[in-house]
């Protein structure tokens, strides 16, 4: 039997967003307790991960709308 796909609803999306935010806050708390040099590297890593996620979301949204993104950076 093939499982049915999970439909994203505002409630499931909000729940996933809350989980992501909670995980991010936990990571930030851990980073804040580290020495300065370690914090800088950890914050840079989080920045890079967030940037990739945001850029991927924009590309996906544009693809779904039929917008050509081949001329964009990244």
Protein backbone atom coordinates (compact mmCIF):
# COMPACT_ATOMS: atom_id res chain seq x y z
CA UNK A 1 0.00 0.00 0.00
CA UNK A 2 1.37 3.42 -1.00
CA UNK A 3 1.18 6.04 1.74
CA UNK A 4 -0.77 9.14 0.87
CA UNK A 5 1.25 12.34 0.61
CA UNK A 6 0.97 14.71 3.52
CA UNK A 7 -0.88 17.81 2.46
CA UNK A 8 0.69 21.00 3.71
CA UNK A 9 -1.90 23.11 5.42
CA UNK A 10 -1.38 26.39 7.22
CA UNK A 11 -1.51 24.43 10.48
CA UNK A 12 1.18 21.90 9.46
CA UNK A 13 3.32 24.63 7.94
CA UNK A 14 3.01 26.75 11.08
CA UNK A 15 3.88 23.75 13.24
CA UNK A 16 6.96 22.99 11.15
CA UNK A 17 7.94 26.66 11.29
CA UNK A 18 7.60 26.68 15.07
CA UNK A 19 9.76 23.55 15.31
CA UNK A 20 12.40 25.15 13.06
CA UNK A 21 12.38 28.34 15.12
CA UNK A 22 12.70 26.36 18.35
CA UNK A 23 15.62 24.38 16.94
CA UNK A 24 17.32 27.58 15.77
CA UNK A 25 16.91 29.20 19.19
CA UNK A 26 18.40 26.12 20.84
CA UNK A 27 21.40 26.25 18.50
CA UNK A 28 21.87 29.96 19.19
CA UNK A 29 21.84 29.39 22.95
CA UNK A 30 24.54 26.72 22.61
CA UNK A 31 26.62 29.03 20.41
CA UNK A 32 26.35 31.92 22.87
CA UNK A 33 28.00 29.77 25.55
CA UNK A 34 31.08 29.11 23.38
CA UNK A 35 34.31 31.14 23.21
CA UNK A 36 34.29 34.10 20.82
CA UNK A 37 36.29 32.40 18.05
CA UNK A 38 33.95 29.40 18.04
CA UNK A 39 30.88 31.63 18.06
CA UNK A 40 32.00 33.49 14.96
CA UNK A 41 32.45 30.27 12.99
CA UNK A 42 29.15 28.82 14.24
CA UNK A 43 27.21 31.99 13.39
CA UNK A 44 28.77 32.00 9.92
CA UNK A 45 27.64 28.40 9.45
CA UNK A 46 24.07 29.24 10.49
CA UNK A 47 24.11 32.24 8.15
CA UNK A 48 25.18 30.06 5.23
CA UNK A 49 22.52 27.43 5.99
CA UNK A 50 19.77 30.04 6.26
CA UNK A 51 20.88 31.69 3.03
CA UNK A 52 20.78 28.38 1.13
CA UNK A 53 17.34 27.62 2.56
CA UNK A 54 15.93 31.03 1.66
CA UNK A 55 17.38 31.00 -1.85
CA UNK A 56 16.03 27.49 -2.41
CA UNK A 57 12.57 28.59 -1.28
CA UNK A 58 12.59 31.52 -3.70
CA UNK A 59 13.71 29.31 -6.60
CA UNK A 60 11.06 26.72 -5.78
CA UNK A 61 8.32 29.34 -5.55
CA UNK A 62 9.40 30.90 -8.84
CA UNK A 63 9.56 27.48 -10.52
CA UNK A 64 6.03 26.71 -9.34
CA UNK A 65 4.88 30.03 -10.82
CA UNK A 66 6.70 29.42 -14.10
CA UNK A 67 9.23 32.22 -13.58
CA UNK A 68 12.61 31.80 -15.29
CA UNK A 69 15.33 31.92 -12.61
CA UNK A 70 18.25 30.88 -14.83
CA UNK A 71 19.56 34.45 -14.79
CA UNK A 72 19.68 34.74 -10.98
CA UNK A 73 22.79 34.41 -8.85
CA UNK A 74 23.53 31.21 -7.00
